[in-house]
């Protein structure tokens, strides 16, 4: 897991998080983690892959010819990280 240091956090924000943590029965650190997780991955977020799959189903999907055309155009090699050295 990664570690993050937050500098120059206003005292009133830190105090509010401490109060919120106490209300939720968590430590301040656990409360900050919960806030960050909720901000980065909200429960109601739309996931792109799911959205596209649903759209495809609603539109009737691909024909065999369309699927074959996409498969033939796909790059089948494994992606490699670029080296800038």
PDB file of N, CA and C in Angstrom:
ATOM      1  N   UNK A   1       0.840  -1.189   0.000  1.00  0.00           N
ATOM      2  CA  UNK A   1       0.000   0.000   0.000  1.00  0.00           C
ATOM      3  C   UNK A   1       0.877   1.242   0.000  1.00  0.00           C
ATOM      4  N   UNK A   2       0.365   2.278  -0.572  1.00  0.00           N
ATOM      5  CA  UNK A   2       1.102   3.534  -0.667  1.00  0.00           C
ATOM      6  C   UNK A   2       0.892   4.376   0.591  1.00  0.00           C
ATOM      7  N   UNK A   3       1.838   5.235   0.852  1.00  0.00           N
ATOM      8  CA  UNK A   3       1.733   6.200   1.945  1.00  0.00           C
ATOM      9  C   UNK A   3       1.679   7.591   1.349  1.00  0.00           C
ATOM     10  N   UNK A   4       0.892   8.459   1.958  1.00  0.00           N
ATOM     11  CA  UNK A   4       0.753   9.828   1.479  1.00  0.00           C
ATOM     12  C   UNK A   4       0.903  10.768   2.669  1.00  0.00           C
ATOM     13  N   UNK A   5       1.637  11.843   2.465  1.00  0.00           N
ATOM     14  CA  UNK A   5       1.750  12.889   3.475  1.00  0.00           C
ATOM     15  C   UNK A   5       1.029  14.119   2.952  1.00  0.00           C
ATOM     16  N   UNK A   6       0.144  14.661   3.755  1.00  0.00           N
ATOM     17  CA  UNK A   6      -0.587  15.861   3.359  1.00  0.00           C
ATOM     18  C   UNK A   6      -0.037  17.022   4.177  1.00  0.00           C
ATOM     19  N   UNK A   7       0.545  17.974   3.499  1.00  0.00           N
ATOM     20  CA  UNK A   7       1.117  19.129   4.182  1.00  0.00           C
ATOM     21  C   UNK A   7       0.155  20.311   4.098  1.00  0.00           C
ATOM     22  N   UNK A   8       0.281  21.192   5.049  1.00  0.00           N
ATOM     23  CA  UNK A   8      -0.459  22.458   5.076  1.00  0.00           C
ATOM     24  C   UNK A   8      -1.972  22.267   5.079  1.00  0.00           C
ATOM     25  N   UNK A   9      -2.432  21.233   5.766  1.00  0.00           N
ATOM     26  CA  UNK A   9      -3.861  21.018   5.928  1.00  0.00           C
ATOM     27  C   UNK A   9      -4.377  22.034   6.936  1.00  0.00           C
ATOM     28  N   UNK A  10      -5.368  22.825   6.575  1.00  0.00           N
ATOM     29  CA  UNK A  10      -5.872  23.823   7.510  1.00  0.00           C
ATOM     30  C   UNK A  10      -6.369  23.173   8.808  1.00  0.00           C
ATOM     31  N   UNK A  11      -6.111  23.843   9.921  1.00  0.00           N
ATOM     32  CA  UNK A  11      -6.498  23.309  11.233  1.00  0.00           C
ATOM     33  C   UNK A  11      -7.980  22.993  11.306  1.00  0.00           C
ATOM     34  N   UNK A  12      -8.819  23.851  10.718  1.00  0.00           N
ATOM     35  CA  UNK A  12     -10.265  23.624  10.803  1.00  0.00           C
ATOM     36  C   UNK A  12     -10.683  22.374  10.022  1.00  0.00           C
ATOM     37  N   UNK A  13      -9.973  22.067   8.941  1.00  0.00           N
ATOM     38  CA  UNK A  13     -10.266  20.842   8.177  1.00  0.00           C
ATOM     39  C   UNK A  13      -9.852  19.626   8.993  1.00  0.00           C
ATOM     40  N   UNK A  14      -8.678  19.683   9.592  1.00  0.00           N
ATOM     41  CA  UNK A  14      -8.210  18.571  10.426  1.00  0.00           C
ATOM     42  C   UNK A  14      -9.159  18.346  11.600  1.00  0.00           C
ATOM     43  N   UNK A  15      -9.594  19.415  12.211  1.00  0.00           N
ATOM     44  CA  UNK A  15     -10.527  19.318  13.340  1.00  0.00           C
ATOM     45  C   UNK A  15     -11.850  18.688  12.893  1.00  0.00           C
ATOM     46  N   UNK A  16     -12.352  19.114  11.746  1.00  0.00           N
ATOM     47  CA  UNK A  16     -13.611  18.565  11.231  1.00  0.00           C
ATOM     48  C   UNK A  16     -13.480  17.070  10.929  1.00  0.00           C
ATOM     49  N   UNK A  17     -12.339  16.667  10.387  1.00  0.00           N
ATOM     50  CA  UNK A  17     -12.116  15.243  10.104  1.00  0.00           C
ATOM     51  C   UNK A  17     -12.011  14.454  11.397  1.00  0.00           C
ATOM     52  N   UNK A  18     -11.347  15.011  12.402  1.00  0.00           N
ATOM     53  CA  UNK A  18     -11.258  14.326  13.704  1.00  0.00           C
ATOM     54  C   UNK A  18     -12.642  14.105  14.300  1.00  0.00           C
ATOM     55  N   UNK A  19     -13.502  15.121  14.221  1.00  0.00           N
ATOM     56  CA  UNK A  19     -14.870  15.019  14.744  1.00  0.00           C
ATOM     57  C   UNK A  19     -15.653  13.972  13.958  1.00  0.00           C
ATOM     58  N   UNK A  20     -15.542  14.032  12.641  1.00  0.00           N
ATOM     59  CA  UNK A  20     -16.233  13.063  11.780  1.00  0.00           C
ATOM     60  C   UNK A  20     -15.758  11.645  12.092  1.00  0.00           C
ATOM     61  N   UNK A  21     -14.457  11.481  12.303  1.00  0.00           N
ATOM     62  CA  UNK A  21     -13.900  10.168  12.628  1.00  0.00           C
ATOM     63  C   UNK A  21     -14.485   9.648  13.941  1.00  0.00           C
ATOM     64  N   UNK A  22     -14.554  10.510  14.926  1.00  0.00           N
ATOM     65  CA  UNK A  22     -15.112  10.104  16.217  1.00  0.00           C
ATOM     66  C   UNK A  22     -16.576   9.696  16.069  1.00  0.00           C
ATOM     67  N   UNK A  23     -17.327  10.415  15.277  1.00  0.00           N
ATOM     68  CA  UNK A  23     -18.741  10.087  15.055  1.00  0.00           C
ATOM     69  C   UNK A  23     -18.900   8.743  14.354  1.00  0.00           C
ATOM     70  N   UNK A  24     -17.929   8.393  13.517  1.00  0.00           N
ATOM     71  CA  UNK A  24     -17.986   7.132  12.784  1.00  0.00           C
ATOM     72  C   UNK A  24     -17.235   6.008  13.486  1.00  0.00           C
ATOM     73  N   UNK A  25     -16.689   6.298  14.682  1.00  0.00           N
ATOM     74  CA  UNK A  25     -15.975   5.280  15.445  1.00  0.00           C
ATOM     75  C   UNK A  25     -14.670   4.839  14.809  1.00  0.00           C
ATOM     76  N   UNK A  26     -14.004   5.762  14.124  1.00  0.00           N
ATOM     77  CA  UNK A  26     -12.740   5.454  13.455  1.00  0.00           C
ATOM     78  C   UNK A  26     -11.657   6.397  13.935  1.00  0.00           C
ATOM     79  N   UNK A  27     -10.416   6.010  13.665  1.00  0.00           N
ATOM     80  CA  UNK A  27      -9.299   6.916  13.904  1.00  0.00           C
ATOM     81  C   UNK A  27      -9.321   7.988  12.820  1.00  0.00           C
ATOM     82  N   UNK A  28      -8.587   9.057  13.048  1.00  0.00           N
ATOM     83  CA  UNK A  28      -8.507  10.113  12.042  1.00  0.00           C
ATOM     84  C   UNK A  28      -7.914   9.569  10.751  1.00  0.00           C
ATOM     85  N   UNK A  29      -6.887   8.737  10.873  1.00  0.00           N
ATOM     86  CA  UNK A  29      -6.250   8.152   9.690  1.00  0.00           C
ATOM     87  C   UNK A  29      -7.233   7.271   8.924  1.00  0.00           C
ATOM     88  N   UNK A  30      -8.003   6.455   9.619  1.00  0.00           N
ATOM     89  CA  UNK A  30      -8.995   5.597   8.964  1.00  0.00           C
ATOM     90  C   UNK A  30     -10.085   6.438   8.299  1.00  0.00           C
ATOM     91  N   UNK A  31     -10.455   7.539   8.931  1.00  0.00           N
ATOM     92  CA  UNK A  31     -11.477   8.415   8.351  1.00  0.00           C
ATOM     93  C   UNK A  31     -10.972   9.056   7.065  1.00  0.00           C
ATOM     94  N   UNK A  32      -9.715   9.487   7.058  1.00  0.00           N
ATOM     95  CA  UNK A  32      -9.129  10.086   5.855  1.00  0.00           C
ATOM     96  C   UNK A  32      -9.084   9.052   4.736  1.00  0.00           C
ATOM     97  N   UNK A  33      -8.724   7.802   5.069  1.00  0.00           N
ATOM     98  CA  UNK A  33      -8.733   6.736   4.059  1.00  0.00           C
ATOM     99  C   UNK A  33     -10.131   6.558   3.483  1.00  0.00           C
ATOM    100  N   UNK A  34     -11.140   6.526   4.354  1.00  0.00           N
ATOM    101  CA  UNK A  34     -12.527   6.350   3.896  1.00  0.00           C
ATOM    102  C   UNK A  34     -12.953   7.504   2.990  1.00  0.00           C
ATOM    103  N   UNK A  35     -12.570   8.713   3.345  1.00  0.00           N
ATOM    104  CA  UNK A  35     -12.907   9.889   2.530  1.00  0.00           C
ATOM    105  C   UNK A  35     -12.250   9.783   1.156  1.00  0.00           C
ATOM    106  N   UNK A  36     -10.982   9.384   1.122  1.00  0.00           N
ATOM    107  CA  UNK A  36     -10.268   9.270  -0.149  1.00  0.00           C
ATOM    108  C   UNK A  36     -10.838   8.155  -1.024  1.00  0.00           C
ATOM    109  N   UNK A  37     -11.171   7.017  -0.414  1.00  0.00           N
ATOM    110  CA  UNK A  37     -11.762   5.915  -1.178  1.00  0.00           C
ATOM    111  C   UNK A  37     -13.097   6.350  -1.771  1.00  0.00           C
ATOM    112  N   UNK A  38     -13.918   7.006  -0.975  1.00  0.00           N
ATOM    113  CA  UNK A  38     -15.228   7.466  -1.457  1.00  0.00           C
ATOM    114  C   UNK A  38     -15.070   8.481  -2.585  1.00  0.00           C
ATOM    115  N   UNK A  39     -14.082   9.359  -2.476  1.00  0.00           N
ATOM    116  CA  UNK A  39     -13.868  10.372  -3.510  1.00  0.00           C
ATOM    117  C   UNK A  39     -13.355   9.742  -4.800  1.00  0.00           C
ATOM    118  N   UNK A  40     -12.486   8.743  -4.683  1.00  0.00           N
ATOM    119  CA  UNK A  40     -11.883   8.131  -5.866  1.00  0.00           C
ATOM    120  C   UNK A  40     -12.783   7.090  -6.511  1.00  0.00           C
ATOM    121  N   UNK A  41     -13.581   6.405  -5.698  1.00  0.00           N
ATOM    122  CA  UNK A  41     -14.431   5.328  -6.217  1.00  0.00           C
ATOM    123  C   UNK A  41     -15.830   5.426  -5.623  1.00  0.00           C
ATOM    124  N   UNK A  42     -16.583   6.429  -5.995  1.00  0.00           N
ATOM    125  CA  UNK A  42     -17.937   6.562  -5.437  1.00  0.00           C
ATOM    126  C   UNK A  42     -18.816   5.382  -5.848  1.00  0.00           C
ATOM    127  N   UNK A  43     -19.741   5.004  -4.973  1.00  0.00           N
ATOM    128  CA  UNK A  43     -20.590   3.837  -5.207  1.00  0.00           C
ATOM    129  C   UNK A  43     -21.417   3.956  -6.483  1.00  0.00           C
ATOM    130  N   UNK A  44     -21.909   5.130  -6.794  1.00  0.00           N
ATOM    131  CA  UNK A  44     -22.790   5.299  -7.940  1.00  0.00           C
ATOM    132  C   UNK A  44     -22.079   5.588  -9.241  1.00  0.00           C
ATOM    133  N   UNK A  45     -20.748   5.452  -9.270  1.00  0.00           N
ATOM    134  CA  UNK A  45     -20.020   5.815 -10.485  1.00  0.00           C
ATOM    135  C   UNK A  45     -20.353   4.868 -11.626  1.00  0.00           C
ATOM    136  N   UNK A  46     -20.294   5.394 -12.809  1.00  0.00           N
ATOM    137  CA  UNK A  46     -20.548   4.596 -14.004  1.00  0.00           C
ATOM    138  C   UNK A  46     -19.211   4.062 -14.498  1.00  0.00           C
ATOM    139  N   UNK A  47     -19.125   2.762 -14.631  1.00  0.00           N
ATOM    140  CA  UNK A  47     -17.909   2.138 -15.120  1.00  0.00           C
ATOM    141  C   UNK A  47     -18.005   2.044 -16.644  1.00  0.00           C
ATOM    142  N   UNK A  48     -16.987   2.520 -17.330  1.00  0.00           N
ATOM    143  CA  UNK A  48     -17.011   2.627 -18.784  1.00  0.00           C
ATOM    144  C   UNK A  48     -17.268   1.282 -19.457  1.00  0.00           C
ATOM    145  N   UNK A  49     -16.582   0.242 -19.023  1.00  0.00           N
ATOM    146  CA  UNK A  49     -16.772  -1.069 -19.635  1.00  0.00           C
ATOM    147  C   UNK A  49     -18.208  -1.556 -19.506  1.00  0.00           C
ATOM    148  N   UNK A  50     -18.789  -1.387 -18.324  1.00  0.00           N
ATOM    149  CA  UNK A  50     -20.181  -1.801 -18.107  1.00  0.00           C
ATOM    150  C   UNK A  50     -21.132  -0.976 -18.959  1.00  0.00           C
ATOM    151  N   UNK A  51     -20.872   0.320 -19.051  1.00  0.00           N
ATOM    152  CA  UNK A  51     -21.712   1.194 -19.863  1.00  0.00           C
ATOM    153  C   UNK A  51     -21.688   0.768 -21.333  1.00  0.00           C
ATOM    154  N   UNK A  52     -20.492   0.510 -21.852  1.00  0.00           N
ATOM    155  CA  UNK A  52     -20.361   0.099 -23.249  1.00  0.00           C
ATOM    156  C   UNK A  52     -21.013  -1.262 -23.503  1.00  0.00           C
ATOM    157  N   UNK A  53     -20.850  -2.198 -22.562  1.00  0.00           N
ATOM    158  CA  UNK A  53     -21.470  -3.519 -22.714  1.00  0.00           C
ATOM    159  C   UNK A  53     -22.990  -3.402 -22.724  1.00  0.00           C
ATOM    160  N   UNK A  54     -23.536  -2.564 -21.840  1.00  0.00           N
ATOM    161  CA  UNK A  54     -24.988  -2.365 -21.813  1.00  0.00           C
ATOM    162  C   UNK A  54     -25.491  -1.729 -23.105  1.00  0.00           C
ATOM    163  N   UNK A  55     -24.754  -0.738 -23.612  1.00  0.00           N
ATOM    164  CA  UNK A  55     -25.144  -0.096 -24.866  1.00  0.00           C
ATOM    165  C   UNK A  55     -25.140  -1.119 -26.004  1.00  0.00           C
ATOM    166  N   UNK A  56     -24.116  -1.974 -26.023  1.00  0.00           N
ATOM    167  CA  UNK A  56     -24.017  -2.987 -27.063  1.00  0.00           C
ATOM    168  C   UNK A  56     -25.206  -3.951 -26.992  1.00  0.00           C
ATOM    169  N   UNK A  57     -25.565  -4.381 -25.787  1.00  0.00           N
ATOM    170  CA  UNK A  57     -26.710  -5.278 -25.624  1.00  0.00           C
ATOM    171  C   UNK A  57     -27.994  -4.618 -26.102  1.00  0.00           C
ATOM    172  N   UNK A  58     -28.179  -3.346 -25.746  1.00  0.00           N
ATOM    173  CA  UNK A  58     -29.393  -2.632 -26.135  1.00  0.00           C
ATOM    174  C   UNK A  58     -29.487  -2.457 -27.654  1.00  0.00           C
ATOM    175  N   UNK A  59     -28.334  -2.339 -28.307  1.00  0.00           N
ATOM    176  CA  UNK A  59     -28.318  -2.136 -29.755  1.00  0.00           C
ATOM    177  C   UNK A  59     -28.339  -3.444 -30.535  1.00  0.00           C
ATOM    178  N   UNK A  60     -28.350  -4.550 -29.818  1.00  0.00           N
ATOM    179  CA  UNK A  60     -28.440  -5.846 -30.501  1.00  0.00           C
ATOM    180  C   UNK A  60     -27.116  -6.532 -30.734  1.00  0.00           C
ATOM    181  N   UNK A  61     -26.037  -5.979 -30.260  1.00  0.00           N
ATOM    182  CA  UNK A  61     -24.741  -6.631 -30.393  1.00  0.00           C
ATOM    183  C   UNK A  61     -24.154  -6.520 -31.787  1.00  0.00           C
ATOM    184  N   UNK A  62     -23.047  -7.215 -31.987  1.00  0.00           N
ATOM    185  CA  UNK A  62     -22.351  -7.198 -33.270  1.00  0.00           C
ATOM    186  C   UNK A  62     -22.744  -8.418 -34.092  1.00  0.00           C
ATOM    187  N   UNK A  63     -22.742  -8.253 -35.390  1.00  0.00           N
ATOM    188  CA  UNK A  63     -22.933  -9.406 -36.265  1.00  0.00           C
ATOM    189  C   UNK A  63     -21.623 -10.192 -36.284  1.00  0.00           C
ATOM    190  N   UNK A  64     -21.668 -11.412 -36.788  1.00  0.00           N
ATOM    191  CA  UNK A  64     -20.452 -12.219 -36.896  1.00  0.00           C
ATOM    192  C   UNK A  64     -19.417 -11.540 -37.785  1.00  0.00           C
ATOM    193  N   UNK A  65     -19.880 -10.886 -38.844  1.00  0.00           N
ATOM    194  CA  UNK A  65     -18.964 -10.186 -39.754  1.00  0.00           C
ATOM    195  C   UNK A  65     -18.285  -9.012 -39.053  1.00  0.00           C
ATOM    196  N   UNK A  66     -19.058  -8.243 -38.267  1.00  0.00           N
ATOM    197  CA  UNK A  66     -18.487  -7.101 -37.539  1.00  0.00           C
ATOM    198  C   UNK A  66     -17.486  -7.585 -36.493  1.00  0.00           C
ATOM    199  N   UNK A  67     -17.824  -8.650 -35.807  1.00  0.00           N
ATOM    200  CA  UNK A  67     -16.914  -9.200 -34.791  1.00  0.00           C
ATOM    201  C   UNK A  67     -15.615  -9.665 -35.437  1.00  0.00           C
ATOM    202  N   UNK A  68     -15.704 -10.364 -36.576  1.00  0.00           N
ATOM    203  CA  UNK A  68     -14.512 -10.839 -37.291  1.00  0.00           C
ATOM    204  C   UNK A  68     -13.661  -9.668 -37.760  1.00  0.00           C
ATOM    205  N   UNK A  69     -14.291  -8.593 -38.221  1.00  0.00           N
ATOM    206  CA  UNK A  69     -13.565  -7.415 -38.680  1.00  0.00           C
ATOM    207  C   UNK A  69     -12.786  -6.777 -37.531  1.00  0.00           C
ATOM    208  N   UNK A  70     -13.421  -6.654 -36.370  1.00  0.00           N
ATOM    209  CA  UNK A  70     -12.748  -6.070 -35.195  1.00  0.00           C
ATOM    210  C   UNK A  70     -11.601  -6.971 -34.756  1.00  0.00           C
ATOM    211  N   UNK A  71     -11.828  -8.269 -34.705  1.00  0.00           N
ATOM    212  CA  UNK A  71     -10.780  -9.213 -34.301  1.00  0.00           C
ATOM    213  C   UNK A  71      -9.589  -9.151 -35.241  1.00  0.00           C
ATOM    214  N   UNK A  72      -9.830  -9.012 -36.535  1.00  0.00           N
ATOM    215  CA  UNK A  72      -8.728  -8.969 -37.492  1.00  0.00           C
ATOM    216  C   UNK A  72      -7.915  -7.678 -37.359  1.00  0.00           C
ATOM    217  N   UNK A  73      -8.527  -6.608 -36.866  1.00  0.00           N
ATOM    218  CA  UNK A  73      -7.846  -5.317 -36.737  1.00  0.00           C
ATOM    219  C   UNK A  73      -7.126  -5.158 -35.397  1.00  0.00           C
ATOM    220  N   UNK A  74      -7.427  -6.048 -34.431  1.00  0.00           N
ATOM    221  CA  UNK A  74      -6.821  -5.929 -33.104  1.00  0.00           C
ATOM    222  C   UNK A  74      -5.317  -6.160 -33.143  1.00  0.00           C
ATOM    223  N   UNK A  75      -4.614  -5.405 -32.346  1.00  0.00           N
ATOM    224  CA  UNK A  75      -3.175  -5.625 -32.174  1.00  0.00           C
ATOM    225  C   UNK A  75      -3.036  -6.737 -31.139  1.00  0.00           C
ATOM    226  N   UNK A  76      -2.395  -7.817 -31.527  1.00  0.00           N
ATOM    227  CA  UNK A  76      -2.363  -8.991 -30.657  1.00  0.00           C
ATOM    228  C   UNK A  76      -1.079  -9.113 -29.844  1.00  0.00           C
ATOM    229  N   UNK A  77      -0.119  -8.219 -30.081  1.00  0.00           N
ATOM    230  CA  UNK A  77       1.127  -8.283 -29.314  1.00  0.00           C
ATOM    231  C   UNK A  77       0.900  -7.729 -27.910  1.00  0.00           C
ATOM    232  N   UNK A  78       1.708  -8.187 -26.974  1.00  0.00           N
ATOM    233  CA  UNK A  78       1.598  -7.746 -25.584  1.00  0.00           C
ATOM    234  C   UNK A  78       2.170  -6.344 -25.461  1.00  0.00           C
ATOM    235  N   UNK A  79       1.471  -5.480 -24.755  1.00  0.00           N
ATOM    236  CA  UNK A  79       1.927  -4.107 -24.556  1.00  0.00           C
ATOM    237  C   UNK A  79       3.171  -4.090 -23.669  1.00  0.00           C
ATOM    238  N   UNK A  80       4.121  -3.228 -24.003  1.00  0.00           N
ATOM    239  CA  UNK A  80       5.347  -3.095 -23.208  1.00  0.00           C
ATOM    240  C   UNK A  80       5.480  -1.640 -22.783  1.00  0.00           C
ATOM    241  N   UNK A  81       6.055  -1.443 -21.620  1.00  0.00           N
ATOM    242  CA  UNK A  81       6.311  -0.086 -21.133  1.00  0.00           C
ATOM    243  C   UNK A  81       7.422   0.533 -21.979  1.00  0.00           C
ATOM    244  N   UNK A  82       7.280   1.812 -22.288  1.00  0.00           N
ATOM    245  CA  UNK A  82       8.269   2.528 -23.077  1.00  0.00           C
ATOM    246  C   UNK A  82       9.461   2.886 -22.201  1.00  0.00           C
ATOM    247  N   UNK A  83      10.644   2.760 -22.754  1.00  0.00           N
ATOM    248  CA  UNK A  83      11.848   3.146 -22.038  1.00  0.00           C
ATOM    249  C   UNK A  83      12.358   4.455 -22.609  1.00  0.00           C
ATOM    250  N   UNK A  84      12.618   5.422 -21.745  1.00  0.00           N
ATOM    251  CA  UNK A  84      13.081   6.733 -22.192  1.00  0.00           C
ATOM    252  C   UNK A  84      14.566   6.957 -21.889  1.00  0.00           C
ATOM    253  N   UNK A  85      15.263   5.892 -21.654  1.00  0.00           N
ATOM    254  CA  UNK A  85      16.685   6.011 -21.336  1.00  0.00           C
ATOM    255  C   UNK A  85      17.530   5.804 -22.566  1.00  0.00           C
TER     256      UNK A  85
END
